[in-house]
Amino acid sequence: MGQKCDACGKTPVIGNRVRQRGKYKYLGGNGRQTTGVSKRVFRPNLQKIRVQVGGSVQTQRVCTQCIRSGKVTKAVARKPFSLPAT
């Protein structure tokens, strides 16, 4: 299945984890020194949600940025309550 957003196609990205020591210069130190660099993975924040696609409802893995920006519409669990007409 893999770590991939079904809406935008966002996938994990490889970057660096940087270890540092020392005190910042503006705090009176000698500056920050890098003591090591190792690889790390930035993974997308995927959530499994029920999405309205066309006229049907599907369960998809979508990143939180797509949910918040409105790229996908969440499926309505049930109709909202309304008072009967009198």
Protein backbone atom coordinates (compact mmCIF):
# COMPACT_ATOMS: atom_id res chain seq x y z
CA MET A 1 0.00 0.00 0.00
CA GLY A 2 2.78 2.44 0.90
CA GLN A 3 2.84 5.89 2.47
CA LYS A 4 1.08 7.88 -0.26
CA CYS A 5 -1.76 10.40 -0.13
CA ASP A 6 -4.66 9.32 -2.35
CA ALA A 7 -5.67 12.95 -3.02
CA CYS A 8 -2.40 14.76 -3.84
CA GLY A 9 0.13 11.92 -4.18
CA LYS A 10 2.43 13.15 -1.40
CA THR A 11 5.09 10.55 -0.50
CA PRO A 12 7.90 10.33 2.09
CA VAL A 13 10.92 12.57 1.49
CA ILE A 14 14.48 11.79 2.60
CA GLY A 15 16.40 14.47 4.49
CA ASN A 16 19.11 14.92 7.10
CA ARG A 17 19.08 14.76 10.88
CA VAL A 18 21.77 17.19 12.08
CA ARG A 19 23.30 16.84 15.56
CA GLN A 20 24.87 19.99 16.98
CA ARG A 21 26.65 21.11 20.11
CA GLY A 22 27.78 24.42 21.49
CA LYS A 23 26.22 27.72 22.40
CA TYR A 24 24.90 30.30 19.93
CA LYS A 25 27.19 33.27 19.23
CA TYR A 26 24.57 35.84 20.16
CA LEU A 27 24.35 34.20 23.60
CA GLY A 28 28.11 34.61 24.09
CA GLY A 29 29.20 31.22 22.82
CA ASN A 30 31.58 30.05 20.14
CA GLY A 31 28.80 29.11 17.71
CA ARG A 32 26.99 25.87 16.97
CA GLN A 33 29.19 23.04 15.66
CA THR A 34 27.80 20.15 13.66
CA THR A 35 28.88 16.85 15.20
CA GLY A 36 27.04 14.45 12.93
CA VAL A 37 24.68 14.15 9.98
CA SER A 38 22.52 11.08 9.41
CA LYS A 39 19.66 10.30 7.06
CA ARG A 40 16.01 10.49 8.14
CA VAL A 41 12.57 10.27 6.53
CA PHE A 42 9.90 12.97 6.55
CA ARG A 43 6.63 11.04 6.33
CA PRO A 44 3.26 12.58 5.38
CA ASN A 45 0.63 12.73 8.12
CA LEU A 46 -1.89 10.30 6.60
CA GLN A 47 -5.35 9.74 8.04
CA LYS A 48 -7.77 7.02 7.02
CA ILE A 49 -11.11 8.75 6.37
CA ARG A 50 -14.34 8.08 4.50
CA VAL A 51 -14.46 10.31 1.42
CA GLN A 52 -17.35 11.25 -0.88
CA VAL A 53 -16.23 10.38 -4.45
CA GLY A 54 -18.88 11.04 -7.06
CA GLY A 55 -22.02 9.38 -5.74
CA SER A 56 -20.24 6.73 -3.66
CA VAL A 57 -18.31 6.64 -0.41
CA GLN A 58 -14.75 5.28 -0.28
CA THR A 59 -12.20 4.87 2.50
CA GLN A 60 -8.95 6.58 1.54
CA ARG A 61 -5.64 7.51 3.16
CA VAL A 62 -5.41 11.28 2.86
CA CYS A 63 -2.83 13.72 4.27
CA THR A 64 -4.03 16.31 6.76
CA GLN A 65 -3.22 19.21 4.42
CA CYS A 66 -5.73 17.87 1.86
CA ILE A 67 -8.38 17.47 4.57
CA ARG A 68 -7.86 21.00 5.90
CA SER A 69 -7.65 22.69 2.49
CA GLY A 70 -10.87 21.04 1.29
CA LYS A 71 -9.44 18.94 -1.53
CA VAL A 72 -11.57 16.04 -0.28
CA THR A 73 -15.09 16.08 1.11
CA LYS A 74 -15.77 13.88 4.09
CA ALA A 75 -18.72 11.53 3.86
CA VAL A 76 -21.73 12.47 5.97
CA ALA A 77 -22.47 9.71 8.47
CA ARG A 78 -26.17 10.56 8.65
CA LYS A 79 -28.45 13.39 7.66
CA PRO A 80 -28.45 16.36 10.05
CA PHE A 81 -31.40 16.56 12.43
CA SER A 82 -34.26 18.77 11.31
CA LEU A 83 -37.54 19.53 13.02
CA PRO A 84 -40.67 18.13 11.35
CA ALA A 85 -42.75 20.65 9.45
CA THR A 86 -45.91 21.71 11.29
